[in-house]
């Protein structure tokens, strides 16, 4: 029941650390066979990786623990187990620190871009897709962390979040986080993004070119942002970058299949907007 690549990696490593801590606490490490224990941990890492094949963070974290096992020559088993436990807890702390840094840097990047000749913005509107908040990370969030920082600075006019079908991470998770922290926000349908941009009621900053998100279908939103000259940006932490993947459009089907019932559930009590009738966006 854990969602979000950073959170998945952290929970997997902490789960392994808790099991290891049990061995250390009960002083069983001295009575364990070194090679058998190392092989058992490697098998557990391989099993954990199958929980979310698309989460690069998880594979990187498991590989890091494998590295600790490989570079353990001359160490006692208790020392090896302790190093794995320390890595897991440090991973949690590092993710939170990176989240805070992303929030600060992202907010500064948005506010530093002049608007219509002005030197600084009094307030901005931001559109976010999917869920990138504290429910998907160690805390604070990445893209949603930027929105939190803008709100803390008194510079956020309104946050718009999309449903993010078919799993509705935006409607069920992002909307909840925004409501919980009393951040002014509006939930919109995924297919309203083009209309929202065309009405010029939002001010999302910076668009990084040639950067794709293979597991989320966002083509219409991306095309709309170019058509409507709305700047956007994409945040990411180093742990989420898969340097082994080719830098091109992904054609491999996503193995993360979704349950149909998720498309029928939505967050209650949040402000929502929709269009009436048929809205057509014409492109030259």
C-alpha atoms as a PDB file:
ATOM      1  CA  UNK A   1       0.000   0.000   0.000  1.00  0.00           C
ATOM      2  CA  UNK A   2       2.982   2.314  -0.508  1.00  0.00           C
ATOM      3  CA  UNK A   3       2.958   4.677  -3.478  1.00  0.00           C
ATOM      4  CA  UNK A   4       5.677   6.915  -4.892  1.00  0.00           C
ATOM      5  CA  UNK A   5       9.109   5.784  -6.077  1.00  0.00           C
ATOM      6  CA  UNK A   6      11.060   7.536  -3.267  1.00  0.00           C
ATOM      7  CA  UNK A   7       8.722   6.191  -0.568  1.00  0.00           C
ATOM      8  CA  UNK A   8       8.804   2.677  -2.039  1.00  0.00           C
ATOM      9  CA  UNK A   9      12.611   2.588  -1.911  1.00  0.00           C
ATOM     10  CA  UNK A  10      12.686   3.962   1.638  1.00  0.00           C
ATOM     11  CA  UNK A  11      10.065   1.537   2.968  1.00  0.00           C
ATOM     12  CA  UNK A  12      11.806  -1.424   1.316  1.00  0.00           C
ATOM     13  CA  UNK A  13      15.182  -0.528   2.836  1.00  0.00           C
ATOM     14  CA  UNK A  14      13.718   0.282   6.249  1.00  0.00           C
ATOM     15  CA  UNK A  15      11.829  -3.016   6.236  1.00  0.00           C
ATOM     16  CA  UNK A  16      15.068  -4.856   5.588  1.00  0.00           C
ATOM     17  CA  UNK A  17      16.792  -2.756   8.254  1.00  0.00           C
ATOM     18  CA  UNK A  18      14.148  -3.650  10.843  1.00  0.00           C
ATOM     19  CA  UNK A  19      14.666  -7.340  10.170  1.00  0.00           C
ATOM     20  CA  UNK A  20      18.420  -6.885  10.454  1.00  0.00           C
ATOM     21  CA  UNK A  21      18.018  -4.852  13.649  1.00  0.00           C
ATOM     22  CA  UNK A  22      16.149  -7.803  15.132  1.00  0.00           C
ATOM     23  CA  UNK A  23      19.171 -10.009  14.523  1.00  0.00           C
ATOM     24  CA  UNK A  24      21.505  -7.455  16.093  1.00  0.00           C
ATOM     25  CA  UNK A  25      19.221  -6.766  19.054  1.00  0.00           C
ATOM     26  CA  UNK A  26      18.878 -10.450  19.855  1.00  0.00           C
ATOM     27  CA  UNK A  27      22.645 -10.872  19.449  1.00  0.00           C
ATOM     28  CA  UNK A  28      22.159 -13.595  16.848  1.00  0.00           C
ATOM     29  CA  UNK A  29      24.712 -12.240  14.375  1.00  0.00           C
ATOM     30  CA  UNK A  30      27.615 -14.045  16.058  1.00  0.00           C
ATOM     31  CA  UNK A  31      25.890 -17.400  15.568  1.00  0.00           C
ATOM     32  CA  UNK A  32      24.932 -16.890  11.912  1.00  0.00           C
ATOM     33  CA  UNK A  33      26.797 -18.255   8.922  1.00  0.00           C
ATOM     34  CA  UNK A  34      28.347 -15.324   7.013  1.00  0.00           C
ATOM     35  CA  UNK A  35      27.778 -16.519   3.428  1.00  0.00           C
ATOM     36  CA  UNK A  36      24.320 -17.929   4.096  1.00  0.00           C
ATOM     37  CA  UNK A  37      23.194 -14.636   5.645  1.00  0.00           C
ATOM     38  CA  UNK A  38      24.632 -12.556   2.789  1.00  0.00           C
ATOM     39  CA  UNK A  39      22.915 -14.789   0.218  1.00  0.00           C
ATOM     40  CA  UNK A  40      19.641 -14.505   2.131  1.00  0.00           C
ATOM     41  CA  UNK A  41      19.835 -10.696   2.107  1.00  0.00           C
ATOM     42  CA  UNK A  42      20.563 -10.698  -1.642  1.00  0.00           C
ATOM     43  CA  UNK A  43      17.512 -12.887  -2.232  1.00  0.00           C
ATOM     44  CA  UNK A  44      15.382 -10.497  -0.190  1.00  0.00           C
ATOM     45  CA  UNK A  45      16.682  -7.557  -2.254  1.00  0.00           C
ATOM     46  CA  UNK A  46      15.750  -9.330  -5.490  1.00  0.00           C
ATOM     47  CA  UNK A  47      12.272  -9.996  -4.107  1.00  0.00           C
ATOM     48  CA  UNK A  48      11.836  -6.370  -3.019  1.00  0.00           C
ATOM     49  CA  UNK A  49      12.752  -5.152  -6.509  1.00  0.00           C
ATOM     50  CA  UNK A  50       9.808  -7.056  -7.997  1.00  0.00           C
ATOM     51  CA  UNK A  51       7.358  -4.941  -5.968  1.00  0.00           C
ATOM     52  CA  UNK A  52       7.805  -1.981  -8.342  1.00  0.00           C
ATOM     53  CA  UNK A  53       9.910  -2.669 -11.470  1.00  0.00           C
ATOM     54  CA  UNK A  54       9.396   0.892 -12.758  1.00  0.00           C
ATOM     55  CA  UNK A  55      10.746   2.584  -9.613  1.00  0.00           C
ATOM     56  CA  UNK A  56      14.371   3.458 -10.364  1.00  0.00           C
ATOM     57  CA  UNK A  57      14.880   4.615  -6.770  1.00  0.00           C
ATOM     58  CA  UNK A  58      14.174   1.103  -5.503  1.00  0.00           C
ATOM     59  CA  UNK A  59      16.684  -0.581  -7.797  1.00  0.00           C
ATOM     60  CA  UNK A  60      19.376   1.989  -6.995  1.00  0.00           C
ATOM     61  CA  UNK A  61      18.876   1.504  -3.266  1.00  0.00           C
ATOM     62  CA  UNK A  62      18.975  -2.288  -3.562  1.00  0.00           C
ATOM     63  CA  UNK A  63      22.136  -2.036  -5.670  1.00  0.00           C
ATOM     64  CA  UNK A  64      23.699   0.195  -3.005  1.00  0.00           C
ATOM     65  CA  UNK A  65      23.031  -2.440  -0.339  1.00  0.00           C
ATOM     66  CA  UNK A  66      24.457  -5.117  -2.629  1.00  0.00           C
ATOM     67  CA  UNK A  67      27.566  -2.947  -2.833  1.00  0.00           C
ATOM     68  CA  UNK A  68      27.833  -2.948   0.951  1.00  0.00           C
ATOM     69  CA  UNK A  69      27.674  -6.743   0.898  1.00  0.00           C
ATOM     70  CA  UNK A  70      30.263  -7.034  -1.876  1.00  0.00           C
ATOM     71  CA  UNK A  71      32.722  -4.653  -0.228  1.00  0.00           C
ATOM     72  CA  UNK A  72      32.598  -6.402   3.132  1.00  0.00           C
ATOM     73  CA  UNK A  73      35.917  -8.232   3.029  1.00  0.00           C
ATOM     74  CA  UNK A  74      37.497  -8.470   6.472  1.00  0.00           C
ATOM     75  CA  UNK A  75      34.375  -7.263   8.271  1.00  0.00           C
ATOM     76  CA  UNK A  76      32.388  -9.126  10.876  1.00  0.00           C
ATOM     77  CA  UNK A  77      28.811 -10.040  10.023  1.00  0.00           C
ATOM     78  CA  UNK A  78      27.523  -7.716  12.738  1.00  0.00           C
ATOM     79  CA  UNK A  79      29.406  -4.804  11.152  1.00  0.00           C
ATOM     80  CA  UNK A  80      27.934  -5.585   7.734  1.00  0.00           C
ATOM     81  CA  UNK A  81      24.400  -5.734   9.093  1.00  0.00           C
ATOM     82  CA  UNK A  82      24.921  -2.483  10.981  1.00  0.00           C
ATOM     83  CA  UNK A  83      26.142  -0.727   7.811  1.00  0.00           C
ATOM     84  CA  UNK A  84      22.945  -1.775   5.994  1.00  0.00           C
ATOM     85  CA  UNK A  85      20.807  -0.461   8.846  1.00  0.00           C
ATOM     86  CA  UNK A  86      22.691   2.856   8.830  1.00  0.00           C
ATOM     87  CA  UNK A  87      22.278   3.156   5.054  1.00  0.00           C
ATOM     88  CA  UNK A  88      18.507   2.687   5.279  1.00  0.00           C
ATOM     89  CA  UNK A  89      18.021   5.380   7.908  1.00  0.00           C
ATOM     90  CA  UNK A  90      20.386   7.739   6.069  1.00  0.00           C
ATOM     91  CA  UNK A  91      18.373   7.182   2.870  1.00  0.00           C
ATOM     92  CA  UNK A  92      15.267   8.419   4.680  1.00  0.00           C
ATOM     93  CA  UNK A  93      17.021  11.535   5.990  1.00  0.00           C
ATOM     94  CA  UNK A  94      18.702  12.303   2.657  1.00  0.00           C
ATOM     95  CA  UNK A  95      15.401  12.078   0.783  1.00  0.00           C
ATOM     96  CA  UNK A  96      13.773  14.546   3.168  1.00  0.00           C
ATOM     97  CA  UNK A  97      16.706  16.959   2.857  1.00  0.00           C
ATOM     98  CA  UNK A  98      16.610  16.731  -0.945  1.00  0.00           C
ATOM     99  CA  UNK A  99      12.857  17.401  -0.876  1.00  0.00           C
ATOM    100  CA  UNK A 100      13.389  20.596   1.114  1.00  0.00           C
ATOM    101  CA  UNK A 101      16.156  21.700  -1.255  1.00  0.00           C
ATOM    102  CA  UNK A 102      13.976  21.043  -4.310  1.00  0.00           C
ATOM    103  CA  UNK A 103      11.174  23.061  -2.733  1.00  0.00           C
ATOM    104  CA  UNK A 104      13.461  26.026  -2.112  1.00  0.00           C
ATOM    105  CA  UNK A 105      15.207  25.922  -5.497  1.00  0.00           C
ATOM    106  CA  UNK A 106      11.953  25.388  -7.387  1.00  0.00           C
ATOM    107  CA  UNK A 107      10.189  28.259  -5.638  1.00  0.00           C
ATOM    108  CA  UNK A 108      13.125  30.584  -6.282  1.00  0.00           C
ATOM    109  CA  UNK A 109      13.237  29.560  -9.945  1.00  0.00           C
ATOM    110  CA  UNK A 110       9.544  30.381 -10.383  1.00  0.00           C
ATOM    111  CA  UNK A 111       9.700  33.708  -8.560  1.00  0.00           C
ATOM    112  CA  UNK A 112      12.905  34.851 -10.279  1.00  0.00           C
ATOM    113  CA  UNK A 113      11.389  34.781 -13.785  1.00  0.00           C
ATOM    114  CA  UNK A 114      10.097  38.264 -14.724  1.00  0.00           C
ATOM    115  CA  UNK A 115       6.485  38.535 -15.851  1.00  0.00           C
ATOM    116  CA  UNK A 116       5.513  41.178 -18.413  1.00  0.00           C
ATOM    117  CA  UNK A 117       8.498  43.348 -17.570  1.00  0.00           C
ATOM    118  CA  UNK A 118       8.101  43.227 -13.803  1.00  0.00           C
ATOM    119  CA  UNK A 119      11.114  42.279 -11.693  1.00  0.00           C
ATOM    120  CA  UNK A 120       9.288  39.969  -9.311  1.00  0.00           C
ATOM    121  CA  UNK A 121       5.925  38.268  -8.967  1.00  0.00           C
ATOM    122  CA  UNK A 122       3.592  39.058  -6.089  1.00  0.00           C
ATOM    123  CA  UNK A 123       1.917  35.650  -6.381  1.00  0.00           C
ATOM    124  CA  UNK A 124       1.724  32.740  -8.801  1.00  0.00           C
ATOM    125  CA  UNK A 125      -0.636  29.932  -9.777  1.00  0.00           C
ATOM    126  CA  UNK A 126       0.859  26.468 -10.207  1.00  0.00           C
ATOM    127  CA  UNK A 127      -0.452  23.331 -11.905  1.00  0.00           C
ATOM    128  CA  UNK A 128       0.773  19.936 -10.690  1.00  0.00           C
ATOM    129  CA  UNK A 129       0.089  16.441 -12.021  1.00  0.00           C
ATOM    130  CA  UNK A 130      -0.039  13.105 -10.160  1.00  0.00           C
ATOM    131  CA  UNK A 131       1.160  13.040  -6.530  1.00  0.00           C
ATOM    132  CA  UNK A 132       4.624  14.203  -5.557  1.00  0.00           C
ATOM    133  CA  UNK A 133       4.016  15.127  -1.939  1.00  0.00           C
ATOM    134  CA  UNK A 134       4.787  13.798   1.518  1.00  0.00           C
ATOM    135  CA  UNK A 135       2.713  10.680   0.796  1.00  0.00           C
ATOM    136  CA  UNK A 136       5.131   9.677  -1.981  1.00  0.00           C
ATOM    137  CA  UNK A 137       8.427  10.638  -0.328  1.00  0.00           C
ATOM    138  CA  UNK A 138      10.137  10.782   3.057  1.00  0.00           C
ATOM    139  CA  UNK A 139       8.243  13.999   3.666  1.00  0.00           C
ATOM    140  CA  UNK A 140       7.506  17.469   2.254  1.00  0.00           C
ATOM    141  CA  UNK A 141       7.512  16.304  -1.368  1.00  0.00           C
ATOM    142  CA  UNK A 142       9.300  17.195  -4.581  1.00  0.00           C
ATOM    143  CA  UNK A 143       7.054  19.123  -6.991  1.00  0.00           C
ATOM    144  CA  UNK A 144       4.430  19.509  -4.268  1.00  0.00           C
ATOM    145  CA  UNK A 145       7.265  20.658  -2.016  1.00  0.00           C
ATOM    146  CA  UNK A 146       7.736  23.602  -4.381  1.00  0.00           C
ATOM    147  CA  UNK A 147       4.066  24.471  -3.932  1.00  0.00           C
ATOM    148  CA  UNK A 148       4.413  24.160  -0.149  1.00  0.00           C
ATOM    149  CA  UNK A 149       7.401  26.506  -0.174  1.00  0.00           C
ATOM    150  CA  UNK A 150       5.582  29.079  -2.305  1.00  0.00           C
ATOM    151  CA  UNK A 151       2.646  28.917   0.121  1.00  0.00           C
ATOM    152  CA  UNK A 152       4.952  29.363   3.123  1.00  0.00           C
ATOM    153  CA  UNK A 153       6.470  32.422   1.434  1.00  0.00           C
ATOM    154  CA  UNK A 154       3.019  33.892   0.826  1.00  0.00           C
ATOM    155  CA  UNK A 155       3.633  33.800  -2.922  1.00  0.00           C
ATOM    156  CA  UNK A 156       1.096  31.159  -3.970  1.00  0.00           C
ATOM    157  CA  UNK A 157      -2.218  32.417  -5.308  1.00  0.00           C
ATOM    158  CA  UNK A 158      -3.636  28.967  -6.119  1.00  0.00           C
ATOM    159  CA  UNK A 159      -2.521  25.417  -6.824  1.00  0.00           C
ATOM    160  CA  UNK A 160      -4.297  23.403  -9.504  1.00  0.00           C
ATOM    161  CA  UNK A 161      -4.073  19.613  -9.379  1.00  0.00           C
ATOM    162  CA  UNK A 162      -5.258  17.162 -12.013  1.00  0.00           C
ATOM    163  CA  UNK A 163      -7.199  13.965 -11.304  1.00  0.00           C
ATOM    164  CA  UNK A 164      -4.388  11.896 -12.851  1.00  0.00           C
ATOM    165  CA  UNK A 165      -6.448   9.054 -14.230  1.00  0.00           C
ATOM    166  CA  UNK A 166      -6.769   6.136 -14.218  1.00  0.00           C
ATOM    167  CA  UNK A 167      -5.431   5.792 -10.661  1.00  0.00           C
ATOM    168  CA  UNK A 168      -6.505   9.264  -9.486  1.00  0.00           C
ATOM    169  CA  UNK A 169      -3.379  10.023  -7.489  1.00  0.00           C
ATOM    170  CA  UNK A 170      -4.103  13.724  -7.910  1.00  0.00           C
ATOM    171  CA  UNK A 171      -7.747  13.549  -6.856  1.00  0.00           C
ATOM    172  CA  UNK A 172      -7.196  11.219  -3.909  1.00  0.00           C
ATOM    173  CA  UNK A 173      -3.703  12.130  -2.669  1.00  0.00           C
ATOM    174  CA  UNK A 174      -2.573  15.557  -3.886  1.00  0.00           C
ATOM    175  CA  UNK A 175      -5.987  17.111  -3.229  1.00  0.00           C
ATOM    176  CA  UNK A 176      -5.911  15.613   0.280  1.00  0.00           C
ATOM    177  CA  UNK A 177      -2.457  17.034   1.048  1.00  0.00           C
ATOM    178  CA  UNK A 178      -3.426  20.484  -0.215  1.00  0.00           C
ATOM    179  CA  UNK A 179      -6.634  20.443   1.842  1.00  0.00           C
ATOM    180  CA  UNK A 180      -4.859  19.181   4.958  1.00  0.00           C
ATOM    181  CA  UNK A 181      -2.384  22.077   4.877  1.00  0.00           C
ATOM    182  CA  UNK A 182      -5.070  24.611   3.922  1.00  0.00           C
ATOM    183  CA  UNK A 183      -3.321  25.541   0.685  1.00  0.00           C
ATOM    184  CA  UNK A 184      -5.692  27.313  -1.758  1.00  0.00           C
ATOM    185  CA  UNK A 185      -6.300  24.752  -4.471  1.00  0.00           C
ATOM    186  CA  UNK A 186      -8.628  23.539  -7.192  1.00  0.00           C
ATOM    187  CA  UNK A 187      -8.979  20.012  -8.554  1.00  0.00           C
ATOM    188  CA  UNK A 188      -9.502  19.824 -12.324  1.00  0.00           C
ATOM    189  CA  UNK A 189     -10.161  17.039 -14.820  1.00  0.00           C
ATOM    190  CA  UNK A 190      -7.138  15.872 -16.787  1.00  0.00           C
ATOM    191  CA  UNK A 191      -8.655  17.053 -20.062  1.00  0.00           C
ATOM    192  CA  UNK A 192      -9.155  20.587 -18.693  1.00  0.00           C
ATOM    193  CA  UNK A 193      -5.454  21.433 -18.734  1.00  0.00           C
ATOM    194  CA  UNK A 194      -5.546  22.909 -22.234  1.00  0.00           C
ATOM    195  CA  UNK A 195      -8.579  25.039 -21.390  1.00  0.00           C
ATOM    196  CA  UNK A 196      -6.996  26.211 -18.143  1.00  0.00           C
ATOM    197  CA  UNK A 197      -3.851  27.308 -19.925  1.00  0.00           C
ATOM    198  CA  UNK A 198      -5.801  29.010 -22.697  1.00  0.00           C
ATOM    199  CA  UNK A 199      -7.719  31.146 -20.200  1.00  0.00           C
ATOM    200  CA  UNK A 200      -4.380  32.373 -18.816  1.00  0.00           C
ATOM    201  CA  UNK A 201      -5.477  31.844 -15.232  1.00  0.00           C
ATOM    202  CA  UNK A 202      -2.299  30.012 -14.354  1.00  0.00           C
ATOM    203  CA  UNK A 203       1.361  30.932 -14.347  1.00  0.00           C
ATOM    204  CA  UNK A 204       3.435  27.748 -14.246  1.00  0.00           C
ATOM    205  CA  UNK A 205       7.082  28.493 -14.957  1.00  0.00           C
ATOM    206  CA  UNK A 206       9.809  26.885 -17.050  1.00  0.00           C
ATOM    207  CA  UNK A 207       9.638  24.095 -19.584  1.00  0.00           C
ATOM    208  CA  UNK A 208      12.557  21.684 -19.796  1.00  0.00           C
ATOM    209  CA  UNK A 209      12.729  20.339 -23.332  1.00  0.00           C
ATOM    210  CA  UNK A 210      13.428  16.710 -24.290  1.00  0.00           C
ATOM    211  CA  UNK A 211      12.530  15.366 -20.852  1.00  0.00           C
ATOM    212  CA  UNK A 212       9.852  12.682 -20.909  1.00  0.00           C
ATOM    213  CA  UNK A 213       7.855  10.878 -18.232  1.00  0.00           C
ATOM    214  CA  UNK A 214       7.297   7.426 -19.733  1.00  0.00           C
ATOM    215  CA  UNK A 215       4.847   6.000 -17.195  1.00  0.00           C
ATOM    216  CA  UNK A 216       2.356   8.889 -17.279  1.00  0.00           C
ATOM    217  CA  UNK A 217       0.344   9.885 -20.343  1.00  0.00           C
ATOM    218  CA  UNK A 218       0.691  13.674 -20.478  1.00  0.00           C
ATOM    219  CA  UNK A 219       1.026  14.391 -24.205  1.00  0.00           C
ATOM    220  CA  UNK A 220      -1.993  16.701 -24.433  1.00  0.00           C
ATOM    221  CA  UNK A 221      -0.837  18.726 -21.437  1.00  0.00           C
ATOM    222  CA  UNK A 222       2.689  19.032 -22.843  1.00  0.00           C
ATOM    223  CA  UNK A 223       1.451  20.123 -26.281  1.00  0.00           C
ATOM    224  CA  UNK A 224      -0.968  22.566 -24.680  1.00  0.00           C
ATOM    225  CA  UNK A 225       1.801  24.207 -22.646  1.00  0.00           C
ATOM    226  CA  UNK A 226       3.773  24.871 -25.834  1.00  0.00           C
ATOM    227  CA  UNK A 227       0.722  26.125 -27.750  1.00  0.00           C
ATOM    228  CA  UNK A 228      -0.339  28.482 -24.986  1.00  0.00           C
ATOM    229  CA  UNK A 229       3.197  29.708 -24.228  1.00  0.00           C
ATOM    230  CA  UNK A 230       2.875  28.612 -20.614  1.00  0.00           C
ATOM    231  CA  UNK A 231       6.251  27.944 -19.064  1.00  0.00           C
ATOM    232  CA  UNK A 232       6.699  24.821 -17.013  1.00  0.00           C
ATOM    233  CA  UNK A 233       9.423  22.898 -15.249  1.00  0.00           C
ATOM    234  CA  UNK A 234       9.990  19.335 -14.152  1.00  0.00           C
ATOM    235  CA  UNK A 235      11.743  18.582 -10.890  1.00  0.00           C
ATOM    236  CA  UNK A 236      13.592  15.369 -10.156  1.00  0.00           C
ATOM    237  CA  UNK A 237      16.052  14.027  -7.636  1.00  0.00           C
ATOM    238  CA  UNK A 238      19.196  12.181  -8.686  1.00  0.00           C
ATOM    239  CA  UNK A 239      17.875   8.886  -7.300  1.00  0.00           C
ATOM    240  CA  UNK A 240      15.018   8.977  -9.829  1.00  0.00           C
ATOM    241  CA  UNK A 241      17.263   9.291 -12.900  1.00  0.00           C
ATOM    242  CA  UNK A 242      17.728   6.074 -14.857  1.00  0.00           C
ATOM    243  CA  UNK A 243      20.962   6.578 -16.802  1.00  0.00           C
ATOM    244  CA  UNK A 244      20.725   3.044 -18.198  1.00  0.00           C
ATOM    245  CA  UNK A 245      17.565   3.832 -20.169  1.00  0.00           C
ATOM    246  CA  UNK A 246      17.871   5.192 -23.742  1.00  0.00           C
ATOM    247  CA  UNK A 247      17.094   8.896 -24.089  1.00  0.00           C
ATOM    248  CA  UNK A 248      14.099   8.511 -26.393  1.00  0.00           C
ATOM    249  CA  UNK A 249      10.383   7.836 -26.328  1.00  0.00           C
ATOM    250  CA  UNK A 250       9.484   4.687 -24.415  1.00  0.00           C
ATOM    251  CA  UNK A 251       7.460   2.054 -26.278  1.00  0.00           C
ATOM    252  CA  UNK A 252       7.600  -0.752 -23.704  1.00  0.00           C
ATOM    253  CA  UNK A 253       4.170  -1.317 -22.076  1.00  0.00           C
ATOM    254  CA  UNK A 254       4.001  -0.230 -18.458  1.00  0.00           C
ATOM    255  CA  UNK A 255       3.966  -3.324 -16.193  1.00  0.00           C
ATOM    256  CA  UNK A 256       2.219  -1.371 -13.437  1.00  0.00           C
ATOM    257  CA  UNK A 257      -1.374  -2.360 -14.192  1.00  0.00           C
ATOM    258  CA  UNK A 258      -4.091  -0.468 -12.338  1.00  0.00           C
ATOM    259  CA  UNK A 259      -7.282  -1.643 -10.677  1.00  0.00           C
ATOM    260  CA  UNK A 260     -10.441  -0.415 -12.391  1.00  0.00           C
ATOM    261  CA  UNK A 261     -12.078   0.620  -9.103  1.00  0.00           C
ATOM    262  CA  UNK A 262      -9.395   3.281  -8.620  1.00  0.00           C
ATOM    263  CA  UNK A 263     -10.860   5.219 -11.550  1.00  0.00           C
ATOM    264  CA  UNK A 264     -14.178   5.533  -9.712  1.00  0.00           C
ATOM    265  CA  UNK A 265     -12.922   6.940  -6.415  1.00  0.00           C
ATOM    266  CA  UNK A 266     -12.258  10.614  -5.753  1.00  0.00           C
ATOM    267  CA  UNK A 267     -11.378  12.920  -2.878  1.00  0.00           C
ATOM    268  CA  UNK A 268     -14.391  14.581  -1.247  1.00  0.00           C
ATOM    269  CA  UNK A 269     -14.703  18.118   0.157  1.00  0.00           C
ATOM    270  CA  UNK A 270     -12.181  19.652  -2.249  1.00  0.00           C
ATOM    271  CA  UNK A 271     -12.958  22.497  -4.606  1.00  0.00           C
ATOM    272  CA  UNK A 272     -13.299  21.198  -8.162  1.00  0.00           C
ATOM    273  CA  UNK A 273     -13.781  22.785 -11.558  1.00  0.00           C
ATOM    274  CA  UNK A 274     -15.143  21.407 -14.801  1.00  0.00           C
ATOM    275  CA  UNK A 275     -16.330  22.714 -18.139  1.00  0.00           C
ATOM    276  CA  UNK A 276     -19.881  22.588 -19.462  1.00  0.00           C
ATOM    277  CA  UNK A 277     -20.629  21.468 -22.972  1.00  0.00           C
ATOM    278  CA  UNK A 278     -17.943  20.588 -25.480  1.00  0.00           C
ATOM    279  CA  UNK A 279     -14.665  22.467 -25.479  1.00  0.00           C
ATOM    280  CA  UNK A 280     -12.470  22.279 -28.573  1.00  0.00           C
ATOM    281  CA  UNK A 281      -8.904  23.514 -28.747  1.00  0.00           C
ATOM    282  CA  UNK A 282      -7.904  24.358 -32.308  1.00  0.00           C
ATOM    283  CA  UNK A 283      -4.278  24.150 -33.424  1.00  0.00           C
ATOM    284  CA  UNK A 284      -2.808  25.675 -36.556  1.00  0.00           C
END
